[in-house]
Amino acid sequence: MEKTYLSKKEYVSMGVLVKVCTALGVNFKDIIELVPNMANERE
């Protein structure tokens, strides 16, 4: 299963995010913000 970071740079599985969204009755876009990693961007 794919993993992603929390704000404290801890991994959380997509399954956990699905459970959170289901419990709250929301979609991913309602609880997730994509923040680009500037170190990985090409100049």
N, C-alpha and C. Protein backbone atom coordinates (compact mmCIF):
# COMPACT_ATOMS: atom_id res chain seq x y z
N MET A 1 0.84 -1.18 0.00
CA MET A 1 0.00 0.00 0.00
C MET A 1 0.88 1.24 0.00
N GLU A 2 0.49 2.24 -0.75
CA GLU A 2 1.26 3.48 -0.85
C GLU A 2 1.20 4.25 0.45
N LYS A 3 2.31 4.90 0.79
CA LYS A 3 2.37 5.69 2.02
C LYS A 3 2.60 7.15 1.70
N THR A 4 2.22 7.99 2.61
CA THR A 4 2.40 9.43 2.46
C THR A 4 2.77 10.01 3.81
N TYR A 5 3.24 11.25 3.84
CA TYR A 5 3.70 11.86 5.08
C TYR A 5 2.61 12.63 5.81
N LEU A 6 2.71 12.62 7.14
CA LEU A 6 1.95 13.54 7.99
C LEU A 6 2.80 14.78 8.21
N SER A 7 2.29 15.74 8.93
CA SER A 7 3.03 16.98 9.14
C SER A 7 4.32 16.77 9.94
N LYS A 8 4.39 15.72 10.73
CA LYS A 8 5.60 15.44 11.52
C LYS A 8 6.54 14.50 10.78
N LYS A 9 6.37 14.40 9.47
CA LYS A 9 7.17 13.54 8.60
C LYS A 9 7.10 12.07 9.02
N GLU A 10 5.94 11.66 9.50
CA GLU A 10 5.68 10.26 9.81
C GLU A 10 4.82 9.70 8.68
N TYR A 11 5.04 8.44 8.32
CA TYR A 11 4.25 7.83 7.27
C TYR A 11 2.85 7.46 7.75
N VAL A 12 1.90 7.58 6.85
CA VAL A 12 0.53 7.11 7.09
C VAL A 12 0.07 6.44 5.80
N SER A 13 -0.56 5.29 5.93
CA SER A 13 -0.97 4.55 4.74
C SER A 13 -2.22 5.17 4.12
N MET A 14 -2.42 4.89 2.84
CA MET A 14 -3.61 5.37 2.16
C MET A 14 -4.85 4.76 2.79
N GLY A 15 -4.72 3.53 3.30
CA GLY A 15 -5.84 2.88 3.97
C GLY A 15 -6.32 3.67 5.18
N VAL A 16 -5.38 4.23 5.93
CA VAL A 16 -5.73 5.06 7.09
C VAL A 16 -6.44 6.32 6.62
N LEU A 17 -5.95 6.93 5.55
CA LEU A 17 -6.60 8.13 5.02
C LEU A 17 -8.02 7.84 4.55
N VAL A 18 -8.22 6.68 3.95
CA VAL A 18 -9.57 6.28 3.52
C VAL A 18 -10.48 6.15 4.74
N LYS A 19 -9.98 5.54 5.80
CA LYS A 19 -10.78 5.39 7.02
C LYS A 19 -11.13 6.74 7.63
N VAL A 20 -10.18 7.66 7.64
CA VAL A 20 -10.42 9.01 8.18
C VAL A 20 -11.50 9.71 7.35
N CYS A 21 -11.34 9.66 6.03
CA CYS A 21 -12.32 10.31 5.15
C CYS A 21 -13.71 9.69 5.31
N THR A 22 -13.77 8.38 5.41
CA THR A 22 -15.05 7.70 5.57
C THR A 22 -15.71 8.10 6.89
N ALA A 23 -14.93 8.13 7.96
CA ALA A 23 -15.47 8.49 9.27
C ALA A 23 -15.98 9.93 9.31
N LEU A 24 -15.29 10.81 8.59
CA LEU A 24 -15.68 12.22 8.58
C LEU A 24 -16.69 12.57 7.50
N GLY A 25 -16.90 11.64 6.56
CA GLY A 25 -17.81 11.89 5.45
C GLY A 25 -17.28 12.93 4.48
N VAL A 26 -15.97 12.89 4.23
CA VAL A 26 -15.32 13.86 3.35
C VAL A 26 -14.50 13.14 2.29
N ASN A 27 -13.94 13.91 1.34
CA ASN A 27 -13.05 13.39 0.31
C ASN A 27 -11.61 13.74 0.64
N PHE A 28 -10.66 13.12 -0.06
CA PHE A 28 -9.24 13.41 0.15
C PHE A 28 -8.95 14.90 0.04
N LYS A 29 -9.53 15.55 -0.96
CA LYS A 29 -9.25 16.97 -1.18
C LYS A 29 -9.65 17.83 0.01
N ASP A 30 -10.54 17.32 0.86
CA ASP A 30 -10.98 18.07 2.03
C ASP A 30 -10.00 17.98 3.20
N ILE A 31 -9.14 16.96 3.20
CA ILE A 31 -8.23 16.78 4.34
C ILE A 31 -6.75 16.83 3.96
N ILE A 32 -6.45 16.89 2.66
CA ILE A 32 -5.05 16.81 2.21
C ILE A 32 -4.66 18.07 1.46
N GLU A 33 -3.45 18.52 1.73
CA GLU A 33 -2.87 19.65 1.00
C GLU A 33 -1.55 19.17 0.40
N LEU A 34 -1.37 19.37 -0.89
CA LEU A 34 -0.13 19.00 -1.57
C LEU A 34 0.85 20.15 -1.47
N VAL A 35 2.00 19.88 -0.85
CA VAL A 35 3.04 20.89 -0.71
C VAL A 35 4.26 20.40 -1.49
N PRO A 36 4.64 21.11 -2.56
CA PRO A 36 5.78 20.67 -3.36
C PRO A 36 7.06 20.61 -2.54
N ASN A 37 7.88 19.61 -2.85
CA ASN A 37 9.18 19.47 -2.21
C ASN A 37 10.18 20.22 -3.07
N MET A 38 10.58 21.39 -2.63
CA MET A 38 11.46 22.26 -3.42
C MET A 38 12.81 21.61 -3.70
N ALA A 39 13.29 20.73 -2.85
CA ALA A 39 14.58 20.08 -3.03
C ALA A 39 14.57 19.15 -4.25
N ASN A 40 13.41 18.65 -4.62
CA ASN A 40 13.30 17.71 -5.73
C ASN A 40 12.96 18.38 -7.06
N GLU A 41 12.71 19.68 -7.05
CA GLU A 41 12.34 20.38 -8.29
C GLU A 41 13.58 20.72 -9.11
N ARG A 42 13.43 20.64 -10.42
CA ARG A 42 14.52 21.05 -11.32
C ARG A 42 14.53 22.56 -11.43
N GLU A 43 15.70 23.11 -11.60
CA GLU A 43 15.82 24.55 -11.78
C GLU A 43 15.94 24.88 -13.25
